[in-house]
Amino acid sequence: MDEDRLPGTASAGLSIRECRDMIKKSLQLPKVKFLRENLEKSGCKVEDNFIKAINCHNQMAGGYAPRRGIFVCSNEMTCQDDVNQVILHELIHAYDECRAANLDWADCAHHACAEIRANHLSGDCHFKRELLRGNLKIGGQESECIKRRVMKSVTSNPYCSATAAREGMEAVWNVCYNDTQPFDRAL
């Protein structure tokens, strides 16, 4: 079992229709509205079809494709909270892509920075989520979670070896972890 999946997420998940309905509910969340507004303020139009529900075949929750939008893997979702979390995480990627004219996803440090920010700012590594994953630790839990999730994502990048991923993450950690834009602080 993937250590970053919440219990119960290995099922067939939601239908595309159910996921679309949950995406519509997510769009009403204050944090999601805030991120969409900030994307618009940064010059990036967010069309109604920017976030799509699809079936995925590689056990991922969702993703962001530059200039194409966000996809939520309906077959990997089990509840509204899953959908909300994916949308928050991926909207942070979209925001980073929008505000950084030179974001290069093939650059391991750039990719690591985007993942540090998305995992930190979306709440992917809050204590409760980690507890549900079975990762129990009193101190340093959030940073360990972020680093684990960054490494998982960046090492899946065909341009990044494990060594390049780790070096990229370590090189940008402080700057990217402390960059909370467009929020005043981490969620």
N, C-alpha and C. Protein backbone atom coordinates (compact mmCIF):
# COMPACT_ATOMS: atom_id res chain seq x y z
N MET A 1 0.85 -1.20 0.00
CA MET A 1 0.00 0.00 0.00
C MET A 1 0.88 1.24 0.00
N ASP A 2 0.50 2.21 -0.78
CA ASP A 2 1.22 3.47 -0.88
C ASP A 2 1.07 4.23 0.43
N GLU A 3 2.20 4.62 1.01
CA GLU A 3 2.16 5.29 2.32
C GLU A 3 1.49 6.65 2.27
N ASP A 4 1.33 7.25 1.09
CA ASP A 4 0.73 8.56 0.99
C ASP A 4 -0.75 8.51 0.64
N ARG A 5 -1.30 7.33 0.59
CA ARG A 5 -2.74 7.19 0.33
C ARG A 5 -3.45 7.01 1.65
N LEU A 6 -4.58 7.64 1.78
CA LEU A 6 -5.37 7.50 2.99
C LEU A 6 -6.06 6.14 2.98
N PRO A 7 -6.31 5.54 4.13
CA PRO A 7 -6.99 4.25 4.17
C PRO A 7 -8.31 4.32 3.40
N GLY A 8 -8.59 3.26 2.67
CA GLY A 8 -9.85 3.20 1.94
C GLY A 8 -9.79 3.77 0.55
N THR A 9 -8.63 4.30 0.12
CA THR A 9 -8.58 4.91 -1.21
C THR A 9 -8.18 3.92 -2.30
N ALA A 10 -8.00 2.66 -1.97
CA ALA A 10 -7.62 1.68 -2.99
C ALA A 10 -8.84 1.12 -3.72
N SER A 11 -10.02 1.55 -3.36
CA SER A 11 -11.24 1.05 -3.99
C SER A 11 -11.40 1.63 -5.39
N ALA A 12 -12.48 1.25 -6.05
CA ALA A 12 -12.76 1.73 -7.40
C ALA A 12 -13.00 3.23 -7.41
N GLY A 13 -13.28 3.81 -6.29
CA GLY A 13 -13.44 5.26 -6.21
C GLY A 13 -14.77 5.74 -6.73
N LEU A 14 -14.78 6.98 -7.18
CA LEU A 14 -16.00 7.64 -7.63
C LEU A 14 -16.17 7.50 -9.14
N SER A 15 -17.41 7.65 -9.57
CA SER A 15 -17.66 7.74 -11.01
C SER A 15 -17.24 9.15 -11.44
N ILE A 16 -17.07 9.35 -12.71
CA ILE A 16 -16.72 10.67 -13.21
C ILE A 16 -17.82 11.67 -12.85
N ARG A 17 -19.07 11.27 -12.97
CA ARG A 17 -20.19 12.16 -12.63
C ARG A 17 -20.15 12.56 -11.15
N GLU A 18 -19.94 11.58 -10.27
CA GLU A 18 -19.85 11.89 -8.83
C GLU A 18 -18.69 12.84 -8.56
N CYS A 19 -17.57 12.60 -9.22
CA CYS A 19 -16.40 13.45 -9.03
C CYS A 19 -16.67 14.86 -9.54
N ARG A 20 -17.33 14.99 -10.69
CA ARG A 20 -17.69 16.32 -11.21
C ARG A 20 -18.55 17.08 -10.21
N ASP A 21 -19.51 16.37 -9.60
CA ASP A 21 -20.37 17.01 -8.60
C ASP A 21 -19.55 17.48 -7.41
N MET A 22 -18.57 16.69 -7.01
CA MET A 22 -17.71 17.08 -5.88
C MET A 22 -16.79 18.23 -6.26
N ILE A 23 -16.33 18.26 -7.50
CA ILE A 23 -15.52 19.38 -7.96
C ILE A 23 -16.34 20.67 -7.87
N LYS A 24 -17.59 20.62 -8.27
CA LYS A 24 -18.46 21.81 -8.17
C LYS A 24 -18.57 22.28 -6.73
N LYS A 25 -18.68 21.34 -5.79
CA LYS A 25 -18.74 21.73 -4.37
C LYS A 25 -17.41 22.34 -3.92
N SER A 26 -16.31 21.77 -4.39
CA SER A 26 -14.98 22.28 -4.03
C SER A 26 -14.81 23.72 -4.48
N LEU A 27 -15.36 24.05 -5.63
CA LEU A 27 -15.22 25.40 -6.17
C LEU A 27 -15.86 26.46 -5.28
N GLN A 28 -16.70 26.03 -4.34
CA GLN A 28 -17.36 26.96 -3.42
C GLN A 28 -16.56 27.18 -2.14
N LEU A 29 -15.51 26.40 -1.92
CA LEU A 29 -14.69 26.54 -0.72
C LEU A 29 -13.94 27.88 -0.74
N PRO A 30 -13.88 28.57 0.39
CA PRO A 30 -13.17 29.86 0.43
C PRO A 30 -11.72 29.78 -0.06
N LYS A 31 -10.98 28.74 0.32
CA LYS A 31 -9.57 28.63 -0.10
C LYS A 31 -9.46 28.43 -1.60
N VAL A 32 -10.37 27.65 -2.17
CA VAL A 32 -10.36 27.41 -3.61
C VAL A 32 -10.73 28.70 -4.34
N LYS A 33 -11.75 29.40 -3.86
CA LYS A 33 -12.14 30.68 -4.46
C LYS A 33 -10.98 31.67 -4.40
N PHE A 34 -10.31 31.71 -3.27
CA PHE A 34 -9.17 32.62 -3.08
C PHE A 34 -8.06 32.32 -4.09
N LEU A 35 -7.73 31.04 -4.26
CA LEU A 35 -6.69 30.67 -5.21
C LEU A 35 -7.10 31.01 -6.64
N ARG A 36 -8.33 30.74 -6.99
CA ARG A 36 -8.81 31.06 -8.35
C ARG A 36 -8.76 32.56 -8.58
N GLU A 37 -9.18 33.35 -7.59
CA GLU A 37 -9.12 34.81 -7.72
C GLU A 37 -7.69 35.28 -7.91
N ASN A 38 -6.76 34.69 -7.18
CA ASN A 38 -5.36 35.09 -7.29
C ASN A 38 -4.73 34.64 -8.61
N LEU A 39 -5.19 33.55 -9.15
CA LEU A 39 -4.76 33.16 -10.50
C LEU A 39 -5.20 34.23 -11.50
N GLU A 40 -6.45 34.64 -11.39
CA GLU A 40 -6.98 35.68 -12.29
C GLU A 40 -6.20 36.99 -12.13
N LYS A 41 -5.94 37.39 -10.86
CA LYS A 41 -5.19 38.62 -10.60
C LYS A 41 -3.78 38.55 -11.16
N SER A 42 -3.23 37.34 -11.22
CA SER A 42 -1.87 37.14 -11.76
C SER A 42 -1.87 37.05 -13.28
N GLY A 43 -3.04 37.17 -13.88
CA GLY A 43 -3.13 37.17 -15.33
C GLY A 43 -3.45 35.83 -15.96
N CYS A 44 -3.85 34.86 -15.18
CA CYS A 44 -4.17 33.54 -15.70
C CYS A 44 -5.66 33.29 -15.60
N LYS A 45 -6.30 33.22 -16.72
CA LYS A 45 -7.75 32.99 -16.78
C LYS A 45 -8.03 31.55 -16.37
N VAL A 46 -9.03 31.38 -15.53
CA VAL A 46 -9.44 30.05 -15.07
C VAL A 46 -10.84 29.80 -15.64
N GLU A 47 -10.88 29.08 -16.75
CA GLU A 47 -12.15 28.76 -17.41
C GLU A 47 -12.92 27.72 -16.59
N ASP A 48 -14.20 27.58 -16.89
CA ASP A 48 -15.04 26.61 -16.19
C ASP A 48 -14.53 25.18 -16.35
N ASN A 49 -13.90 24.86 -17.47
CA ASN A 49 -13.41 23.50 -17.70
C ASN A 49 -11.95 23.33 -17.30
N PHE A 50 -11.42 24.24 -16.50
CA PHE A 50 -10.02 24.18 -16.05
C PHE A 50 -9.77 22.96 -15.17
N ILE A 51 -10.78 22.52 -14.41
CA ILE A 51 -10.66 21.36 -13.52
C ILE A 51 -11.59 20.28 -14.05
N LYS A 52 -11.00 19.13 -14.38
CA LYS A 52 -11.75 18.03 -14.99
C LYS A 52 -11.65 16.77 -14.15
N ALA A 53 -12.70 15.97 -14.20
CA ALA A 53 -12.70 14.63 -13.60
C ALA A 53 -12.37 13.63 -14.69
N ILE A 54 -11.42 12.75 -14.43
CA ILE A 54 -11.06 11.71 -15.39
C ILE A 54 -10.79 10.41 -14.64
N ASN A 55 -10.75 9.31 -15.35
CA ASN A 55 -10.29 8.04 -14.78
C ASN A 55 -8.80 7.93 -15.07
N CYS A 56 -8.04 7.54 -14.07
CA CYS A 56 -6.59 7.41 -14.21
C CYS A 56 -6.20 5.95 -14.08
N HIS A 57 -5.04 5.62 -14.63
CA HIS A 57 -4.60 4.24 -14.62
C HIS A 57 -3.25 4.07 -13.91
N ASN A 58 -2.84 5.06 -13.15
CA ASN A 58 -1.53 4.96 -12.50
C ASN A 58 -1.55 5.31 -11.02
N GLN A 59 -2.64 5.11 -10.36
CA GLN A 59 -2.78 5.32 -8.91
C GLN A 59 -2.27 6.68 -8.45
N MET A 60 -2.71 7.71 -9.13
CA MET A 60 -2.41 9.06 -8.67
C MET A 60 -3.74 9.75 -8.39
N ALA A 61 -3.69 10.76 -7.54
CA ALA A 61 -4.91 11.44 -7.13
C ALA A 61 -5.35 12.49 -8.15
N GLY A 62 -4.39 13.07 -8.82
CA GLY A 62 -4.69 14.12 -9.78
C GLY A 62 -3.42 14.75 -10.26
N GLY A 63 -3.55 15.83 -10.99
CA GLY A 63 -2.37 16.50 -11.49
C GLY A 63 -2.69 17.83 -12.13
N TYR A 64 -1.62 18.53 -12.47
CA TYR A 64 -1.73 19.80 -13.16
C TYR A 64 -0.92 19.70 -14.44
N ALA A 65 -1.51 20.08 -15.55
CA ALA A 65 -0.84 20.10 -16.84
C ALA A 65 -0.76 21.56 -17.29
N PRO A 66 0.43 22.13 -17.37
CA PRO A 66 0.57 23.53 -17.77
C PRO A 66 -0.23 23.86 -19.02
N ARG A 67 -0.92 24.97 -18.95
CA ARG A 67 -1.76 25.51 -20.03
C ARG A 67 -2.96 24.63 -20.38
N ARG A 68 -3.13 23.51 -19.67
CA ARG A 68 -4.29 22.65 -19.96
C ARG A 68 -5.22 22.55 -18.76
N GLY A 69 -4.69 22.64 -17.55
CA GLY A 69 -5.54 22.63 -16.38
C GLY A 69 -5.26 21.51 -15.40
N ILE A 70 -6.24 21.28 -14.56
CA ILE A 70 -6.14 20.32 -13.46
C ILE A 70 -7.03 19.13 -13.78
N PHE A 71 -6.52 17.95 -13.45
CA PHE A 71 -7.37 16.76 -13.56
C PHE A 71 -7.43 16.09 -12.19
N VAL A 72 -8.61 15.61 -11.86
CA VAL A 72 -8.85 14.88 -10.62
C VAL A 72 -9.18 13.44 -11.04
N CYS A 73 -8.45 12.49 -10.49
CA CYS A 73 -8.64 11.08 -10.83
C CYS A 73 -9.84 10.53 -10.05
N SER A 74 -10.99 10.52 -10.70
CA SER A 74 -12.23 10.13 -10.02
C SER A 74 -12.14 8.72 -9.42
N ASN A 75 -11.50 7.81 -10.13
CA ASN A 75 -11.42 6.42 -9.66
C ASN A 75 -10.50 6.27 -8.45
N GLU A 76 -9.77 7.32 -8.08
CA GLU A 76 -8.90 7.28 -6.90
C GLU A 76 -9.49 8.08 -5.73
N MET A 77 -10.62 8.75 -5.96
CA MET A 77 -11.27 9.55 -4.94
C MET A 77 -12.34 8.72 -4.22
N THR A 78 -12.49 8.98 -2.91
CA THR A 78 -13.52 8.27 -2.16
C THR A 78 -14.50 9.21 -1.45
N CYS A 79 -14.12 10.48 -1.31
CA CYS A 79 -14.97 11.41 -0.57
C CYS A 79 -14.67 12.84 -0.98
N GLN A 80 -15.51 13.76 -0.51
CA GLN A 80 -15.36 15.18 -0.83
C GLN A 80 -14.00 15.71 -0.38
N ASP A 81 -13.53 15.29 0.77
CA ASP A 81 -12.24 15.78 1.28
C ASP A 81 -11.10 15.40 0.33
N ASP A 82 -11.15 14.21 -0.26
CA ASP A 82 -10.12 13.81 -1.23
C ASP A 82 -10.09 14.79 -2.40
N VAL A 83 -11.27 15.08 -2.94
CA VAL A 83 -11.38 15.97 -4.09
C VAL A 83 -10.91 17.38 -3.71
N ASN A 84 -11.34 17.87 -2.56
CA ASN A 84 -10.92 19.20 -2.10
C ASN A 84 -9.40 19.29 -2.01
N GLN A 85 -8.79 18.26 -1.45
CA GLN A 85 -7.34 18.28 -1.24
C GLN A 85 -6.59 18.29 -2.56
N VAL A 86 -7.02 17.49 -3.51
CA VAL A 86 -6.37 17.47 -4.82
C VAL A 86 -6.49 18.83 -5.49
N ILE A 87 -7.67 19.41 -5.44
CA ILE A 87 -7.88 20.70 -6.10
C ILE A 87 -7.02 21.79 -5.47
N LEU A 88 -6.95 21.83 -4.14
CA LEU A 88 -6.09 22.82 -3.48
C LEU A 88 -4.63 22.65 -3.89
N HIS A 89 -4.16 21.42 -3.83
CA HIS A 89 -2.75 21.12 -4.17
C HIS A 89 -2.45 21.55 -5.61
N GLU A 90 -3.30 21.16 -6.53
CA GLU A 90 -3.06 21.44 -7.95
C GLU A 90 -3.25 22.91 -8.29
N LEU A 91 -4.16 23.60 -7.61
CA LEU A 91 -4.30 25.04 -7.83
C LEU A 91 -3.05 25.80 -7.41
N ILE A 92 -2.36 25.32 -6.39
CA ILE A 92 -1.10 25.95 -5.99
C ILE A 92 -0.06 25.77 -7.09
N HIS A 93 -0.03 24.59 -7.73
CA HIS A 93 0.85 24.40 -8.89
C HIS A 93 0.48 25.37 -10.01
N ALA A 94 -0.80 25.50 -10.28
CA ALA A 94 -1.25 26.41 -11.34
C ALA A 94 -0.85 27.85 -11.01
N TYR A 95 -0.99 28.23 -9.75
CA TYR A 95 -0.61 29.58 -9.32
C TYR A 95 0.90 29.78 -9.52
N ASP A 96 1.70 28.80 -9.13
CA ASP A 96 3.14 28.91 -9.30
C ASP A 96 3.51 29.03 -10.78
N GLU A 97 2.87 28.23 -11.61
CA GLU A 97 3.12 28.29 -13.06
C GLU A 97 2.77 29.69 -13.59
N CYS A 98 1.69 30.25 -13.10
CA CYS A 98 1.22 31.55 -13.57
C CYS A 98 2.17 32.67 -13.15
N ARG A 99 2.61 32.65 -11.91
CA ARG A 99 3.41 33.77 -11.41
C ARG A 99 4.88 33.69 -11.78
N ALA A 100 5.35 32.52 -12.14
CA ALA A 100 6.77 32.35 -12.47
C ALA A 100 6.92 32.16 -13.98
N ALA A 101 7.44 33.16 -14.62
CA ALA A 101 7.57 33.09 -16.08
C ALA A 101 8.55 32.01 -16.53
N ASN A 102 9.43 31.58 -15.63
CA ASN A 102 10.47 30.63 -16.03
C ASN A 102 10.38 29.29 -15.31
N LEU A 103 9.21 28.91 -14.82
CA LEU A 103 9.08 27.62 -14.13
C LEU A 103 9.31 26.51 -15.14
N ASP A 104 10.29 25.67 -14.86
CA ASP A 104 10.67 24.58 -15.76
C ASP A 104 10.49 23.26 -15.02
N TRP A 105 9.44 22.53 -15.37
CA TRP A 105 9.12 21.28 -14.67
C TRP A 105 10.19 20.21 -14.89
N ALA A 106 11.04 20.37 -15.89
CA ALA A 106 12.13 19.43 -16.13
C ALA A 106 13.33 19.72 -15.22
N ASP A 107 13.33 20.88 -14.59
CA ASP A 107 14.39 21.25 -13.65
C ASP A 107 14.01 20.70 -12.27
N CYS A 108 14.85 19.83 -11.74
CA CYS A 108 14.52 19.14 -10.48
C CYS A 108 14.29 20.10 -9.32
N ALA A 109 15.07 21.18 -9.25
CA ALA A 109 14.90 22.16 -8.16
C ALA A 109 13.58 22.91 -8.33
N HIS A 110 13.22 23.27 -9.56
CA HIS A 110 11.94 23.95 -9.80
C HIS A 110 10.78 23.04 -9.41
N HIS A 111 10.85 21.79 -9.85
CA HIS A 111 9.78 20.83 -9.54
C HIS A 111 9.70 20.63 -8.02
N ALA A 112 10.85 20.49 -7.37
CA ALA A 112 10.86 20.31 -5.91
C ALA A 112 10.23 21.51 -5.21
N CYS A 113 10.55 22.71 -5.66
CA CYS A 113 9.98 23.91 -5.04
C CYS A 113 8.47 23.91 -5.17
N ALA A 114 7.98 23.59 -6.36
CA ALA A 114 6.53 23.55 -6.58
C ALA A 114 5.87 22.53 -5.66
N GLU A 115 6.50 21.38 -5.48
CA GLU A 115 5.94 20.35 -4.60
C GLU A 115 6.03 20.73 -3.12
N ILE A 116 7.12 21.37 -2.73
CA ILE A 116 7.23 21.83 -1.34
C ILE A 116 6.08 22.77 -1.04
N ARG A 117 5.88 23.75 -1.91
CA ARG A 117 4.82 24.74 -1.71
C ARG A 117 3.44 24.09 -1.73
N ALA A 118 3.18 23.23 -2.69
CA ALA A 118 1.84 22.62 -2.81
C ALA A 118 1.53 21.73 -1.61
N ASN A 119 2.50 20.94 -1.17
CA ASN A 119 2.26 20.07 -0.02
C ASN A 119 2.12 20.87 1.27
N HIS A 120 2.91 21.92 1.41
CA HIS A 120 2.87 22.75 2.61
C HIS A 120 1.60 23.60 2.67
N LEU A 121 1.29 24.29 1.57
CA LEU A 121 0.20 25.25 1.58
C LEU A 121 -1.19 24.63 1.45
N SER A 122 -1.27 23.44 0.89
CA SER A 122 -2.59 22.81 0.71
C SER A 122 -3.04 22.07 1.96
N GLY A 123 -2.13 21.82 2.88
CA GLY A 123 -2.48 21.05 4.07
C GLY A 123 -2.33 19.55 3.88
N ASP A 124 -1.68 19.14 2.79
CA ASP A 124 -1.48 17.71 2.54
C ASP A 124 -0.79 17.00 3.71
N CYS A 125 0.00 17.74 4.46
CA CYS A 125 0.79 17.12 5.52
C CYS A 125 0.36 17.52 6.93
N HIS A 126 -0.86 18.01 7.07
CA HIS A 126 -1.37 18.30 8.41
C HIS A 126 -1.36 17.02 9.25
N PHE A 127 -1.25 17.21 10.53
CA PHE A 127 -1.15 16.09 11.48
C PHE A 127 -2.27 15.06 11.27
N LYS A 128 -3.50 15.53 11.11
CA LYS A 128 -4.64 14.62 10.96
C LYS A 128 -4.49 13.73 9.73
N ARG A 129 -4.08 14.31 8.61
CA ARG A 129 -3.91 13.53 7.38
C ARG A 129 -2.79 12.50 7.57
N GLU A 130 -1.74 12.90 8.20
CA GLU A 130 -0.63 11.97 8.45
C GLU A 130 -1.06 10.86 9.41
N LEU A 131 -1.82 11.21 10.41
CA LEU A 131 -2.33 10.21 11.35
C LEU A 131 -3.17 9.17 10.62
N LEU A 132 -4.03 9.63 9.70
CA LEU A 132 -4.86 8.71 8.92
C LEU A 132 -4.03 7.82 8.00
N ARG A 133 -2.86 8.31 7.60
CA ARG A 133 -1.97 7.49 6.76
C ARG A 133 -1.16 6.51 7.61
N GLY A 134 -1.24 6.66 8.93
CA GLY A 134 -0.50 5.77 9.82
C GLY A 134 0.90 6.27 10.13
N ASN A 135 1.16 7.52 9.84
CA ASN A 135 2.48 8.10 10.11
C ASN A 135 2.40 8.90 11.41
N LEU A 136 2.84 8.29 12.48
CA LEU A 136 2.75 8.90 13.81
C LEU A 136 4.10 9.42 14.25
N LYS A 137 4.16 10.70 14.47
CA LYS A 137 5.37 11.31 14.99
C LYS A 137 4.96 12.63 15.64
N ILE A 138 5.51 12.92 16.78
CA ILE A 138 5.13 14.13 17.49
C ILE A 138 5.82 15.37 16.92
N GLY A 139 7.12 15.33 16.77
CA GLY A 139 7.85 16.50 16.29
C GLY A 139 8.39 16.29 14.89
N GLY A 140 8.34 17.32 14.07
CA GLY A 140 8.90 17.28 12.73
C GLY A 140 8.09 16.51 11.72
N GLN A 141 6.89 16.13 12.09
CA GLN A 141 6.04 15.31 11.22
C GLN A 141 5.75 16.02 9.91
N GLU A 142 5.41 17.31 9.95
CA GLU A 142 5.02 18.00 8.72
C GLU A 142 6.18 18.08 7.73
N SER A 143 7.36 18.47 8.18
CA SER A 143 8.47 18.59 7.25
C SER A 143 8.89 17.22 6.70
N GLU A 144 8.82 16.18 7.51
CA GLU A 144 9.13 14.83 7.01
C GLU A 144 8.13 14.41 5.95
N CYS A 145 6.87 14.69 6.19
CA CYS A 145 5.81 14.37 5.23
C CYS A 145 6.05 15.12 3.92
N ILE A 146 6.32 16.40 4.00
CA ILE A 146 6.54 17.20 2.79
C ILE A 146 7.72 16.63 2.02
N LYS A 147 8.81 16.37 2.72
CA LYS A 147 10.00 15.84 2.04
C LYS A 147 9.72 14.48 1.40
N ARG A 148 8.99 13.64 2.07
CA ARG A 148 8.64 12.32 1.53
C ARG A 148 7.81 12.48 0.25
N ARG A 149 6.84 13.36 0.31
CA ARG A 149 5.95 13.56 -0.84
C ARG A 149 6.66 14.28 -1.99
N VAL A 150 7.56 15.20 -1.67
CA VAL A 150 8.35 15.87 -2.71
C VAL A 150 9.21 14.83 -3.43
N MET A 151 9.88 14.00 -2.67
CA MET A 151 10.75 12.99 -3.28
C MET A 151 9.95 12.03 -4.16
N LYS A 152 8.79 11.65 -3.71
CA LYS A 152 7.95 10.73 -4.50
C LYS A 152 7.59 11.38 -5.84
N SER A 153 7.19 12.63 -5.80
CA SER A 153 6.78 13.33 -7.01
C SER A 153 7.97 13.60 -7.93
N VAL A 154 9.03 14.17 -7.38
CA VAL A 154 10.16 14.59 -8.22
C VAL A 154 10.90 13.38 -8.81
N THR A 155 11.00 12.30 -8.06
CA THR A 155 11.67 11.13 -8.63
C THR A 155 10.84 10.46 -9.72
N SER A 156 9.55 10.79 -9.80
CA SER A 156 8.73 10.27 -10.90
C SER A 156 8.92 11.11 -12.17
N ASN A 157 9.60 12.24 -12.05
CA ASN A 157 9.91 13.10 -13.19
C ASN A 157 11.04 12.41 -13.98
N PRO A 158 10.84 12.15 -15.26
CA PRO A 158 11.87 11.44 -16.04
C PRO A 158 13.20 12.19 -16.12
N TYR A 159 13.22 13.47 -15.81
CA TYR A 159 14.45 14.26 -15.84
C TYR A 159 15.21 14.24 -14.52
N CYS A 160 14.65 13.60 -13.49
CA CYS A 160 15.24 13.70 -12.14
C CYS A 160 15.54 12.33 -11.54
N SER A 161 16.79 12.10 -11.28
CA SER A 161 17.18 10.90 -10.53
C SER A 161 16.88 11.16 -9.06
N ALA A 162 16.99 10.13 -8.25
CA ALA A 162 16.78 10.30 -6.80
C ALA A 162 17.79 11.30 -6.24
N THR A 163 19.03 11.22 -6.69
CA THR A 163 20.06 12.15 -6.21
C THR A 163 19.75 13.58 -6.62
N ALA A 164 19.37 13.77 -7.88
CA ALA A 164 19.04 15.12 -8.36
C ALA A 164 17.80 15.66 -7.65
N ALA A 165 16.84 14.79 -7.38
CA ALA A 165 15.63 15.21 -6.66
C ALA A 165 15.98 15.67 -5.25
N ARG A 166 16.78 14.88 -4.55
CA ARG A 166 17.16 15.24 -3.17
C ARG A 166 17.98 16.53 -3.16
N GLU A 167 18.94 16.64 -4.05
CA GLU A 167 19.76 17.85 -4.11
C GLU A 167 18.92 19.08 -4.45
N GLY A 168 18.00 18.92 -5.39
CA GLY A 168 17.12 20.03 -5.76
C GLY A 168 16.25 20.45 -4.59
N MET A 169 15.68 19.47 -3.89
CA MET A 169 14.83 19.76 -2.74
C MET A 169 15.62 20.48 -1.64
N GLU A 170 16.79 19.99 -1.33
CA GLU A 170 17.60 20.59 -0.27
C GLU A 170 18.04 22.00 -0.64
N ALA A 171 18.33 22.22 -1.92
CA ALA A 171 18.79 23.54 -2.37
C ALA A 171 17.71 24.62 -2.23
N VAL A 172 16.45 24.23 -2.40
CA VAL A 172 15.38 25.24 -2.40
C VAL A 172 14.49 25.18 -1.16
N TRP A 173 14.74 24.27 -0.25
CA TRP A 173 13.84 24.02 0.87
C TRP A 173 13.44 25.29 1.62
N ASN A 174 14.41 26.03 2.16
CA ASN A 174 14.08 27.18 3.00
C ASN A 174 13.29 28.25 2.26
N VAL A 175 13.72 28.59 1.07
CA VAL A 175 13.03 29.63 0.31
C VAL A 175 11.61 29.19 -0.03
N CYS A 176 11.46 27.98 -0.51
CA CYS A 176 10.15 27.52 -0.99
C CYS A 176 9.20 27.20 0.16
N TYR A 177 9.72 26.64 1.24
CA TYR A 177 8.88 26.34 2.40
C TYR A 177 8.33 27.63 3.01
N ASN A 178 9.13 28.67 3.01
CA ASN A 178 8.73 29.94 3.61
C ASN A 178 7.96 30.86 2.67
N ASP A 179 7.86 30.49 1.40
CA ASP A 179 7.09 31.27 0.43
C ASP A 179 5.64 30.82 0.52
N THR A 180 4.80 31.65 1.11
CA THR A 180 3.39 31.28 1.31
C THR A 180 2.44 32.01 0.36
N GLN A 181 2.97 32.73 -0.62
CA GLN A 181 2.11 33.45 -1.56
C GLN A 181 1.17 32.50 -2.28
N PRO A 182 -0.06 32.83 -2.49
CA PRO A 182 -0.70 34.11 -2.24
C PRO A 182 -1.28 34.25 -0.84
N PHE A 183 -1.05 33.25 0.01
CA PHE A 183 -1.57 33.28 1.38
C PHE A 183 -0.63 34.09 2.27
N ASP A 184 -1.16 34.56 3.39
CA ASP A 184 -0.34 35.24 4.39
C ASP A 184 0.51 34.24 5.16
N ARG A 185 -0.02 33.02 5.29
CA ARG A 185 0.66 31.95 6.03
C ARG A 185 0.17 30.62 5.49
N ALA A 186 0.85 29.55 5.88
CA ALA A 186 0.41 28.22 5.45
C ALA A 186 -0.96 27.91 6.07
N LEU A 187 -1.74 27.13 5.34
CA LEU A 187 -3.10 26.79 5.77
C LEU A 187 -3.10 25.86 6.97
